[in-house]
All heavy atoms as atom14 arrays in JSON, in Angstrom:
{
  "sequence": "GLTILLVASASFAADPSDEVRLIVYGLVAIGVAAIGRGGAFVWLNA",
  "atom14_mask": [
    [1, 1, 1, 1, 0, 0, 0, 0, 0, 0, 0, 0, 0, 0],
    [1, 1, 1, 1, 1, 1, 1, 1, 0, 0, 0, 0, 0, 0],
    [1, 1, 1, 1, 1, 1, 1, 0, 0, 0, 0, 0, 0, 0],
    [1, 1, 1, 1, 1, 1, 1, 1, 0, 0, 0, 0, 0, 0],
    [1, 1, 1, 1, 1, 1, 1, 1, 0, 0, 0, 0, 0, 0],
    [1, 1, 1, 1, 1, 1, 1, 1, 0, 0, 0, 0, 0, 0],
    [1, 1, 1, 1, 1, 1, 1, 0, 0, 0, 0, 0, 0, 0],
    [1, 1, 1, 1, 1, 0, 0, 0, 0, 0, 0, 0, 0, 0],
    [1, 1, 1, 1, 1, 1, 0, 0, 0, 0, 0, 0, 0, 0],
    [1, 1, 1, 1, 1, 0, 0, 0, 0, 0, 0, 0, 0, 0],
    [1, 1, 1, 1, 1, 1, 0, 0, 0, 0, 0, 0, 0, 0],
    [1, 1, 1, 1, 1, 1, 1, 1, 1, 1, 1, 0, 0, 0],
    [1, 1, 1, 1, 1, 0, 0, 0, 0, 0, 0, 0, 0, 0],
    [1, 1, 1, 1, 1, 0, 0, 0, 0, 0, 0, 0, 0, 0],
    [1, 1, 1, 1, 1, 1, 1, 1, 0, 0, 0, 0, 0, 0],
    [1, 1, 1, 1, 1, 1, 1, 0, 0, 0, 0, 0, 0, 0],
    [1, 1, 1, 1, 1, 1, 0, 0, 0, 0, 0, 0, 0, 0],
    [1, 1, 1, 1, 1, 1, 1, 1, 0, 0, 0, 0, 0, 0],
    [1, 1, 1, 1, 1, 1, 1, 1, 1, 0, 0, 0, 0, 0],
    [1, 1, 1, 1, 1, 1, 1, 0, 0, 0, 0, 0, 0, 0],
    [1, 1, 1, 1, 1, 1, 1, 1, 1, 1, 1, 0, 0, 0],
    [1, 1, 1, 1, 1, 1, 1, 1, 0, 0, 0, 0, 0, 0],
    [1, 1, 1, 1, 1, 1, 1, 1, 0, 0, 0, 0, 0, 0],
    [1, 1, 1, 1, 1, 1, 1, 0, 0, 0, 0, 0, 0, 0],
    [1, 1, 1, 1, 1, 1, 1, 1, 1, 1, 1, 1, 0, 0],
    [1, 1, 1, 1, 0, 0, 0, 0, 0, 0, 0, 0, 0, 0],
    [1, 1, 1, 1, 1, 1, 1, 1, 0, 0, 0, 0, 0, 0],
    [1, 1, 1, 1, 1, 1, 1, 0, 0, 0, 0, 0, 0, 0],
    [1, 1, 1, 1, 1, 0, 0, 0, 0, 0, 0, 0, 0, 0],
    [1, 1, 1, 1, 1, 1, 1, 1, 0, 0, 0, 0, 0, 0],
    [1, 1, 1, 1, 0, 0, 0, 0, 0, 0, 0, 0, 0, 0],
    [1, 1, 1, 1, 1, 1, 1, 0, 0, 0, 0, 0, 0, 0],
    [1, 1, 1, 1, 1, 0, 0, 0, 0, 0, 0, 0, 0, 0],
    [1, 1, 1, 1, 1, 0, 0, 0, 0, 0, 0, 0, 0, 0],
    [1, 1, 1, 1, 1, 1, 1, 1, 0, 0, 0, 0, 0, 0],
    [1, 1, 1, 1, 0, 0, 0, 0, 0, 0, 0, 0, 0, 0],
    [1, 1, 1, 1, 1, 1, 1, 1, 1, 1, 1, 0, 0, 0],
    [1, 1, 1, 1, 0, 0, 0, 0, 0, 0, 0, 0, 0, 0],
    [1, 1, 1, 1, 0, 0, 0, 0, 0, 0, 0, 0, 0, 0],
    [1, 1, 1, 1, 1, 0, 0, 0, 0, 0, 0, 0, 0, 0],
    [1, 1, 1, 1, 1, 1, 1, 1, 1, 1, 1, 0, 0, 0],
    [1, 1, 1, 1, 1, 1, 1, 0, 0, 0, 0, 0, 0, 0],
    [1, 1, 1, 1, 1, 1, 1, 1, 1, 1, 1, 1, 1, 1],
    [1, 1, 1, 1, 1, 1, 1, 1, 0, 0, 0, 0, 0, 0],
    [1, 1, 1, 1, 1, 1, 1, 1, 0, 0, 0, 0, 0, 0],
    [1, 1, 1, 1, 1, 0, 0, 0, 0, 0, 0, 0, 0, 0]
  ],
  "atom14_positions": [
    [[-10.3, -19.03, -0.09], [-10.47, -17.76, -0.75], [-11.66, -17.74, -1.71], [-12.42, -16.77, -1.79], [0.0, 0.0, 0.0], [0.0, 0.0, 0.0], [0.0, 0.0, 0.0], [0.0, 0.0, 0.0], [0.0, 0.0, 0.0], [0.0, 0.0, 0.0], [0.0, 0.0, 0.0], [0.0, 0.0, 0.0], [0.0, 0.0, 0.0], [0.0, 0.0, 0.0]],
    [[-11.85, -18.87, -2.45], [-12.99, -18.96, -3.35], [-14.32, -18.92, -2.57], [-15.27, -18.27, -3.01], [-12.86, -20.23, -4.18], [-14.01, -20.51, -5.16], [-14.1, -19.42, -6.2], [-13.77, -21.9, -5.84], [0.0, 0.0, 0.0], [0.0, 0.0, 0.0], [0.0, 0.0, 0.0], [0.0, 0.0, 0.0], [0.0, 0.0, 0.0], [0.0, 0.0, 0.0]],
    [[-14.37, -19.61, -1.44], [-15.59, -19.6, -0.63], [-15.9, -18.2, -0.11], [-17.07, -17.75, -0.15], [-15.43, -20.56, 0.52], [-15.14, -21.89, 0.05], [-16.7, -20.63, 1.35], [0.0, 0.0, 0.0], [0.0, 0.0, 0.0], [0.0, 0.0, 0.0], [0.0, 0.0, 0.0], [0.0, 0.0, 0.0], [0.0, 0.0, 0.0], [0.0, 0.0, 0.0]],
    [[-14.87, -17.53, 0.36], [-15.07, -16.13, 0.83], [-15.57, -15.21, -0.28], [-16.5, -14.44, -0.11], [-13.78, -15.61, 1.49], [-13.43, -16.4, 2.72], [-13.92, -14.12, 1.79], [-12.07, -16.04, 3.31], [0.0, 0.0, 0.0], [0.0, 0.0, 0.0], [0.0, 0.0, 0.0], [0.0, 0.0, 0.0], [0.0, 0.0, 0.0], [0.0, 0.0, 0.0]],
    [[-14.95, -15.34, -1.45], [-15.39, -14.51, -2.59], [-16.81, -14.83, -2.99], [-17.58, -13.93, -3.31], [-14.43, -14.75, -3.78], [-13.07, -14.06, -3.7], [-12.24, -14.45, -4.92], [-13.25, -12.55, -3.68], [0.0, 0.0, 0.0], [0.0, 0.0, 0.0], [0.0, 0.0, 0.0], [0.0, 0.0, 0.0], [0.0, 0.0, 0.0], [0.0, 0.0, 0.0]],
    [[-17.16, -16.1, -3.0], [-18.52, -16.49, -3.44], [-19.56, -15.96, -2.47], [-20.6, -15.41, -2.88], [-18.61, -18.0, -3.56], [-19.87, -18.58, -4.19], [-19.98, -18.11, -5.61], [-19.86, -20.07, -4.13], [0.0, 0.0, 0.0], [0.0, 0.0, 0.0], [0.0, 0.0, 0.0], [0.0, 0.0, 0.0], [0.0, 0.0, 0.0], [0.0, 0.0, 0.0]],
    [[-19.31, -16.1, -1.15], [-20.26, -15.64, -0.17], [-20.38, -14.08, -0.23], [-21.5, -13.54, -0.2], [-19.85, -16.1, 1.24], [-20.72, -15.45, 2.32], [-19.93, -17.59, 1.32], [0.0, 0.0, 0.0], [0.0, 0.0, 0.0], [0.0, 0.0, 0.0], [0.0, 0.0, 0.0], [0.0, 0.0, 0.0], [0.0, 0.0, 0.0], [0.0, 0.0, 0.0]],
    [[-19.26, -13.42, -0.31], [-19.29, -11.95, -0.37], [-19.96, -11.47, -1.65], [-20.78, -10.52, -1.61], [-17.85, -11.4, -0.28], [0.0, 0.0, 0.0], [0.0, 0.0, 0.0], [0.0, 0.0, 0.0], [0.0, 0.0, 0.0], [0.0, 0.0, 0.0], [0.0, 0.0, 0.0], [0.0, 0.0, 0.0], [0.0, 0.0, 0.0], [0.0, 0.0, 0.0]],
    [[-19.66, -12.09, -2.77], [-20.27, -11.64, -4.05], [-21.77, -11.9, -4.02], [-22.55, -11.07, -4.51], [-19.62, -12.4, -5.2], [-18.23, -12.18, -5.24], [0.0, 0.0, 0.0], [0.0, 0.0, 0.0], [0.0, 0.0, 0.0], [0.0, 0.0, 0.0], [0.0, 0.0, 0.0], [0.0, 0.0, 0.0], [0.0, 0.0, 0.0], [0.0, 0.0, 0.0]],
    [[-22.21, -13.04, -3.49], [-23.65, -13.32, -3.44], [-24.38, -12.37, -2.53], [-25.51, -11.97, -2.8], [-23.86, -14.78, -2.97], [0.0, 0.0, 0.0], [0.0, 0.0, 0.0], [0.0, 0.0, 0.0], [0.0, 0.0, 0.0], [0.0, 0.0, 0.0], [0.0, 0.0, 0.0], [0.0, 0.0, 0.0], [0.0, 0.0, 0.0], [0.0, 0.0, 0.0]],
    [[-23.74, -11.96, -1.43], [-24.41, -10.99, -0.55], [-24.47, -9.6, -1.21], [-25.45, -8.86, -1.04], [-23.64, -10.9, 0.77], [-22.34, -10.44, 0.56], [0.0, 0.0, 0.0], [0.0, 0.0, 0.0], [0.0, 0.0, 0.0], [0.0, 0.0, 0.0], [0.0, 0.0, 0.0], [0.0, 0.0, 0.0], [0.0, 0.0, 0.0], [0.0, 0.0, 0.0]],
    [[-23.44, -9.25, -1.97], [-23.48, -7.97, -2.67], [-24.48, -7.99, -3.8], [-25.13, -6.98, -4.1], [-22.12, -7.59, -3.22], [-21.21, -6.9, -2.24], [-20.25, -7.59, -1.53], [-21.36, -5.55, -2.03], [-19.43, -6.93, -0.62], [-20.53, -4.88, -1.13], [-19.57, -5.58, -0.43], [0.0, 0.0, 0.0], [0.0, 0.0, 0.0], [0.0, 0.0, 0.0]],
    [[-24.61, -9.13, -4.48], [-25.48, -9.22, -5.64], [-26.94, -9.09, -5.29], [-27.79, -8.93, -6.16], [-25.24, -10.55, -6.37], [0.0, 0.0, 0.0], [0.0, 0.0, 0.0], [0.0, 0.0, 0.0], [0.0, 0.0, 0.0], [0.0, 0.0, 0.0], [0.0, 0.0, 0.0], [0.0, 0.0, 0.0], [0.0, 0.0, 0.0], [0.0, 0.0, 0.0]],
    [[-27.29, -9.2, -4.0], [-28.69, -9.06, -3.61], [-29.22, -7.63, -3.86], [-30.43, -7.44, -4.07], [-28.87, -9.44, -2.14], [0.0, 0.0, 0.0], [0.0, 0.0, 0.0], [0.0, 0.0, 0.0], [0.0, 0.0, 0.0], [0.0, 0.0, 0.0], [0.0, 0.0, 0.0], [0.0, 0.0, 0.0], [0.0, 0.0, 0.0], [0.0, 0.0, 0.0]],
    [[-28.33, -6.66, -3.84], [-28.74, -5.27, -4.05], [-28.07, -4.77, -5.34], [-26.85, -4.76, -5.47], [-28.21, -4.42, -2.88], [-28.79, -2.98, -2.94], [-29.48, -2.68, -3.91], [-28.52, -2.22, -2.01], [0.0, 0.0, 0.0], [0.0, 0.0, 0.0], [0.0, 0.0, 0.0], [0.0, 0.0, 0.0], [0.0, 0.0, 0.0], [0.0, 0.0, 0.0]],
    [[-28.85, -4.41, -6.36], [-28.28, -3.98, -7.63], [-27.34, -2.77, -7.52], [-26.43, -2.63, -8.34], [-29.51, -3.65, -8.49], [-30.63, -4.39, -7.85], [-30.34, -4.44, -6.38], [0.0, 0.0, 0.0], [0.0, 0.0, 0.0], [0.0, 0.0, 0.0], [0.0, 0.0, 0.0], [0.0, 0.0, 0.0], [0.0, 0.0, 0.0], [0.0, 0.0, 0.0]],
    [[-27.55, -1.91, -6.52], [-26.68, -0.77, -6.41], [-25.27, -1.1, -5.9], [-24.39, -0.24, -5.98], [-27.31, 0.25, -5.41], [-27.43, -0.33, -4.12], [0.0, 0.0, 0.0], [0.0, 0.0, 0.0], [0.0, 0.0, 0.0], [0.0, 0.0, 0.0], [0.0, 0.0, 0.0], [0.0, 0.0, 0.0], [0.0, 0.0, 0.0], [0.0, 0.0, 0.0]],
    [[-25.06, -2.33, -5.4], [-23.77, -2.71, -4.88], [-22.92, -3.4, -5.9], [-21.79, -3.81, -5.57], [-23.95, -3.63, -3.64], [-24.46, -2.89, -2.45], [-24.27, -1.66, -2.36], [-25.06, -3.53, -1.56], [0.0, 0.0, 0.0], [0.0, 0.0, 0.0], [0.0, 0.0, 0.0], [0.0, 0.0, 0.0], [0.0, 0.0, 0.0], [0.0, 0.0, 0.0]],
    [[-23.38, -3.59, -7.11], [-22.62, -4.37, -8.08], [-21.36, -3.62, -8.48], [-20.23, -4.19, -8.56], [-23.46, -4.65, -9.33], [-24.67, -5.55, -9.0], [-25.57, -5.77, -10.21], [-25.28, -5.15, -11.23], [-26.55, -6.5, -10.08], [0.0, 0.0, 0.0], [0.0, 0.0, 0.0], [0.0, 0.0, 0.0], [0.0, 0.0, 0.0], [0.0, 0.0, 0.0]],
    [[-21.48, -2.31, -8.74], [-20.28, -1.52, -9.1], [-19.34, -1.42, -7.9], [-18.12, -1.51, -8.03], [-20.7, -0.09, -9.55], [-19.49, 0.73, -9.88], [-21.6, -0.2, -10.79], [0.0, 0.0, 0.0], [0.0, 0.0, 0.0], [0.0, 0.0, 0.0], [0.0, 0.0, 0.0], [0.0, 0.0, 0.0], [0.0, 0.0, 0.0], [0.0, 0.0, 0.0]],
    [[-19.92, -1.32, -6.69], [-19.08, -1.28, -5.49], [-18.28, -2.59, -5.33], [-17.11, -2.57, -4.94], [-19.93, -1.06, -4.27], [-19.14, -0.79, -3.0], [-20.0, -0.75, -1.77], [-21.12, 0.18, -1.91], [-22.04, 0.34, -0.97], [-21.99, -0.37, 0.14], [-23.01, 1.21, -1.14], [0.0, 0.0, 0.0], [0.0, 0.0, 0.0], [0.0, 0.0, 0.0]],
    [[-18.88, -3.7, -5.71], [-18.18, -4.98, -5.6], [-16.98, -5.05, -6.54], [-15.89, -5.5, -6.16], [-19.15, -6.12, -5.93], [-18.56, -7.53, -5.94], [-18.04, -7.9, -4.57], [-19.6, -8.54, -6.39], [0.0, 0.0, 0.0], [0.0, 0.0, 0.0], [0.0, 0.0, 0.0], [0.0, 0.0, 0.0], [0.0, 0.0, 0.0], [0.0, 0.0, 0.0]],
    [[-17.14, -4.52, -7.77], [-16.02, -4.49, -8.71], [-14.91, -3.55, -8.21], [-13.71, -3.85, -8.31], [-16.5, -4.08, -10.11], [-17.43, -5.12, -10.67], [-15.33, -3.87, -11.06], [-18.01, -4.8, -12.0], [0.0, 0.0, 0.0], [0.0, 0.0, 0.0], [0.0, 0.0, 0.0], [0.0, 0.0, 0.0], [0.0, 0.0, 0.0], [0.0, 0.0, 0.0]],
    [[-15.31, -2.39, -7.61], [-14.33, -1.45, -7.08], [-13.56, -2.13, -5.92], [-12.32, -2.0, -5.83], [-15.03, -0.19, -6.63], [-14.04, 0.74, -5.89], [-15.62, 0.57, -7.83], [0.0, 0.0, 0.0], [0.0, 0.0, 0.0], [0.0, 0.0, 0.0], [0.0, 0.0, 0.0], [0.0, 0.0, 0.0], [0.0, 0.0, 0.0], [0.0, 0.0, 0.0]],
    [[-14.28, -2.85, -5.07], [-13.6, -3.52, -3.95], [-12.63, -4.59, -4.46], [-11.57, -4.79, -3.91], [-14.61, -4.18, -3.03], [-15.41, -3.21, -2.19], [-16.55, -3.59, -1.53], [-14.97, -1.89, -2.04], [-17.26, -2.71, -0.74], [-15.69, -0.99, -1.28], [-16.86, -1.41, -0.64], [-17.56, -0.51, 0.15], [0.0, 0.0, 0.0], [0.0, 0.0, 0.0]],
    [[-13.03, -5.27, -5.54], [-12.12, -6.24, -6.15], [-10.84, -5.6, -6.68], [-9.71, -6.13, -6.49], [0.0, 0.0, 0.0], [0.0, 0.0, 0.0], [0.0, 0.0, 0.0], [0.0, 0.0, 0.0], [0.0, 0.0, 0.0], [0.0, 0.0, 0.0], [0.0, 0.0, 0.0], [0.0, 0.0, 0.0], [0.0, 0.0, 0.0], [0.0, 0.0, 0.0]],
    [[-10.98, -4.44, -7.31], [-9.77, -3.73, -7.79], [-8.91, -3.26, -6.62], [-7.67, -3.27, -6.69], [-10.19, -2.53, -8.64], [-10.95, -2.89, -9.96], [-11.4, -1.61, -10.66], [-10.06, -3.73, -10.85], [0.0, 0.0, 0.0], [0.0, 0.0, 0.0], [0.0, 0.0, 0.0], [0.0, 0.0, 0.0], [0.0, 0.0, 0.0], [0.0, 0.0, 0.0]],
    [[-9.54, -2.82, -5.51], [-8.8, -2.43, -4.33], [-8.02, -3.64, -3.77], [-6.86, -3.51, -3.35], [-9.75, -1.79, -3.29], [-9.01, -1.59, -1.96], [-10.3, -0.52, -3.8], [0.0, 0.0, 0.0], [0.0, 0.0, 0.0], [0.0, 0.0, 0.0], [0.0, 0.0, 0.0], [0.0, 0.0, 0.0], [0.0, 0.0, 0.0], [0.0, 0.0, 0.0]],
    [[-8.68, -4.81, -3.76], [-8.03, -6.03, -3.28], [-6.81, -6.35, -4.13], [-5.74, -6.8, -3.61], [-9.01, -7.17, -3.24], [0.0, 0.0, 0.0], [0.0, 0.0, 0.0], [0.0, 0.0, 0.0], [0.0, 0.0, 0.0], [0.0, 0.0, 0.0], [0.0, 0.0, 0.0], [0.0, 0.0, 0.0], [0.0, 0.0, 0.0], [0.0, 0.0, 0.0]],
    [[-6.91, -6.15, -5.43], [-5.77, -6.41, -6.33], [-4.65, -5.45, -5.98], [-3.45, -5.84, -5.91], [-6.19, -6.23, -7.8], [-7.13, -7.36, -8.2], [-4.95, -6.23, -8.72], [-7.68, -7.22, -9.61], [0.0, 0.0, 0.0], [0.0, 0.0, 0.0], [0.0, 0.0, 0.0], [0.0, 0.0, 0.0], [0.0, 0.0, 0.0], [0.0, 0.0, 0.0]],
    [[-4.96, -4.18, -5.71], [-3.94, -3.23, -5.33], [-3.27, -3.58, -4.01], [-2.05, -3.5, -3.87], [0.0, 0.0, 0.0], [0.0, 0.0, 0.0], [0.0, 0.0, 0.0], [0.0, 0.0, 0.0], [0.0, 0.0, 0.0], [0.0, 0.0, 0.0], [0.0, 0.0, 0.0], [0.0, 0.0, 0.0], [0.0, 0.0, 0.0], [0.0, 0.0, 0.0]],
    [[-4.06, -4.06, -3.04], [-3.48, -4.46, -1.74], [-2.59, -5.65, -1.92], [-1.47, -5.73, -1.35], [-4.62, -4.74, -0.76], [-4.06, -5.35, 0.53], [-5.38, -3.46, -0.43], [0.0, 0.0, 0.0], [0.0, 0.0, 0.0], [0.0, 0.0, 0.0], [0.0, 0.0, 0.0], [0.0, 0.0, 0.0], [0.0, 0.0, 0.0], [0.0, 0.0, 0.0]],
    [[-3.0, -6.62, -2.77], [-2.17, -7.79, -3.0], [-0.86, -7.42, -3.71], [0.21, -7.96, -3.35], [-2.94, -8.82, -3.83], [0.0, 0.0, 0.0], [0.0, 0.0, 0.0], [0.0, 0.0, 0.0], [0.0, 0.0, 0.0], [0.0, 0.0, 0.0], [0.0, 0.0, 0.0], [0.0, 0.0, 0.0], [0.0, 0.0, 0.0], [0.0, 0.0, 0.0]],
    [[-0.94, -6.5, -4.62], [0.29, -6.04, -5.33], [1.23, -5.32, -4.37], [2.45, -5.5, -4.42], [-0.08, -5.17, -6.52], [0.0, 0.0, 0.0], [0.0, 0.0, 0.0], [0.0, 0.0, 0.0], [0.0, 0.0, 0.0], [0.0, 0.0, 0.0], [0.0, 0.0, 0.0], [0.0, 0.0, 0.0], [0.0, 0.0, 0.0], [0.0, 0.0, 0.0]],
    [[0.64, -4.51, -3.48], [1.49, -3.8, -2.51], [2.16, -4.78, -1.59], [3.37, -4.68, -1.25], [0.65, -2.78, -1.75], [0.19, -1.64, -2.65], [1.41, -2.22, -0.55], [-0.76, -0.7, -2.04], [0.0, 0.0, 0.0], [0.0, 0.0, 0.0], [0.0, 0.0, 0.0], [0.0, 0.0, 0.0], [0.0, 0.0, 0.0], [0.0, 0.0, 0.0]],
    [[1.42, -5.82, -1.13], [2.0, -6.82, -0.3], [3.08, -7.63, -1.0], [4.11, -7.94, -0.41], [0.0, 0.0, 0.0], [0.0, 0.0, 0.0], [0.0, 0.0, 0.0], [0.0, 0.0, 0.0], [0.0, 0.0, 0.0], [0.0, 0.0, 0.0], [0.0, 0.0, 0.0], [0.0, 0.0, 0.0], [0.0, 0.0, 0.0], [0.0, 0.0, 0.0]],
    [[2.84, -7.94, -2.29], [3.85, -8.66, -3.05], [5.13, -7.8, -3.23], [6.23, -8.37, -3.3], [3.25, -8.97, -4.43], [4.18, -9.76, -5.35], [4.29, -11.2, -4.96], [4.98, -11.98, -5.95], [5.17, -13.29, -5.89], [4.64, -13.98, -4.88], [5.82, -13.94, -6.82], [0.0, 0.0, 0.0], [0.0, 0.0, 0.0], [0.0, 0.0, 0.0]],
    [[4.97, -6.49, -3.26], [6.15, -5.65, -3.42], [6.99, -5.48, -2.16], [8.04, -4.84, -2.22], [0.0, 0.0, 0.0], [0.0, 0.0, 0.0], [0.0, 0.0, 0.0], [0.0, 0.0, 0.0], [0.0, 0.0, 0.0], [0.0, 0.0, 0.0], [0.0, 0.0, 0.0], [0.0, 0.0, 0.0], [0.0, 0.0, 0.0], [0.0, 0.0, 0.0]],
    [[6.53, -6.01, -1.01], [7.35, -5.99, 0.21], [6.84, -5.08, 1.26], [7.48, -4.96, 2.34], [0.0, 0.0, 0.0], [0.0, 0.0, 0.0], [0.0, 0.0, 0.0], [0.0, 0.0, 0.0], [0.0, 0.0, 0.0], [0.0, 0.0, 0.0], [0.0, 0.0, 0.0], [0.0, 0.0, 0.0], [0.0, 0.0, 0.0], [0.0, 0.0, 0.0]],
    [[5.69, -4.45, 1.11], [5.14, -3.54, 2.13], [4.75, -4.3, 3.39], [4.97, -3.81, 4.5], [3.94, -2.75, 1.57], [0.0, 0.0, 0.0], [0.0, 0.0, 0.0], [0.0, 0.0, 0.0], [0.0, 0.0, 0.0], [0.0, 0.0, 0.0], [0.0, 0.0, 0.0], [0.0, 0.0, 0.0], [0.0, 0.0, 0.0], [0.0, 0.0, 0.0]],
    [[4.15, -5.47, 3.22], [3.73, -6.23, 4.4], [4.94, -6.78, 5.17], [4.87, -6.91, 6.39], [2.81, -7.37, 3.95], [1.5, -6.93, 3.43], [0.78, -7.72, 2.54], [0.96, -5.71, 3.8], [-0.44, -7.32, 2.06], [-0.27, -5.3, 3.33], [-0.96, -6.09, 2.44], [0.0, 0.0, 0.0], [0.0, 0.0, 0.0], [0.0, 0.0, 0.0]],
    [[6.0, -7.12, 4.47], [7.22, -7.52, 5.18], [7.76, -6.41, 6.02], [8.17, -6.64, 7.19], [8.27, -8.01, 4.16], [9.57, -8.37, 4.84], [7.74, -9.2, 3.34], [0.0, 0.0, 0.0], [0.0, 0.0, 0.0], [0.0, 0.0, 0.0], [0.0, 0.0, 0.0], [0.0, 0.0, 0.0], [0.0, 0.0, 0.0], [0.0, 0.0, 0.0]],
    [[7.78, -5.21, 5.5], [8.23, -4.05, 6.27], [7.34, -3.78, 7.44], [7.82, -3.53, 8.57], [8.3, -2.81, 5.37], [8.59, -1.53, 6.09], [9.83, -1.06, 6.44], [7.63, -0.58, 6.54], [9.71, 0.12, 7.1], [8.38, 0.44, 7.2], [6.25, -0.51, 6.52], [7.75, 1.52, 7.78], [5.63, 0.58, 7.09], [6.37, 1.6, 7.68]],
    [[6.0, -3.86, 7.23], [5.07, -3.63, 8.33], [5.21, -4.71, 9.4], [5.17, -4.42, 10.6], [3.66, -3.61, 7.78], [2.52, -3.37, 8.8], [2.69, -2.05, 9.47], [1.18, -3.48, 8.12], [0.0, 0.0, 0.0], [0.0, 0.0, 0.0], [0.0, 0.0, 0.0], [0.0, 0.0, 0.0], [0.0, 0.0, 0.0], [0.0, 0.0, 0.0]],
    [[5.4, -5.95, 9.0], [5.57, -7.06, 9.98], [6.84, -6.83, 10.8], [6.82, -7.07, 12.0], [5.63, -8.39, 9.24], [5.89, -9.53, 10.18], [5.04, -9.91, 10.97], [7.1, -10.12, 10.08], [0.0, 0.0, 0.0], [0.0, 0.0, 0.0], [0.0, 0.0, 0.0], [0.0, 0.0, 0.0], [0.0, 0.0, 0.0], [0.0, 0.0, 0.0]],
    [[7.91, -6.35, 10.15], [9.13, -6.12, 10.9], [8.94, -5.0, 11.96], [9.51, -5.08, 13.04], [10.23, -5.73, 9.95], [0.0, 0.0, 0.0], [0.0, 0.0, 0.0], [0.0, 0.0, 0.0], [0.0, 0.0, 0.0], [0.0, 0.0, 0.0], [0.0, 0.0, 0.0], [0.0, 0.0, 0.0], [0.0, 0.0, 0.0], [0.0, 0.0, 0.0]]
  ]
}
């Protein structure tokens, strides 16, 4: 996970306009992880 984050962040950091987008994507990832922790992925897998 750290390797994926580092590669993705370095590729986004090449363009200054993508820095805010990178933070927004990080917040979206937190929301997806929280939804999965709450049991949504278990329901979808079933």
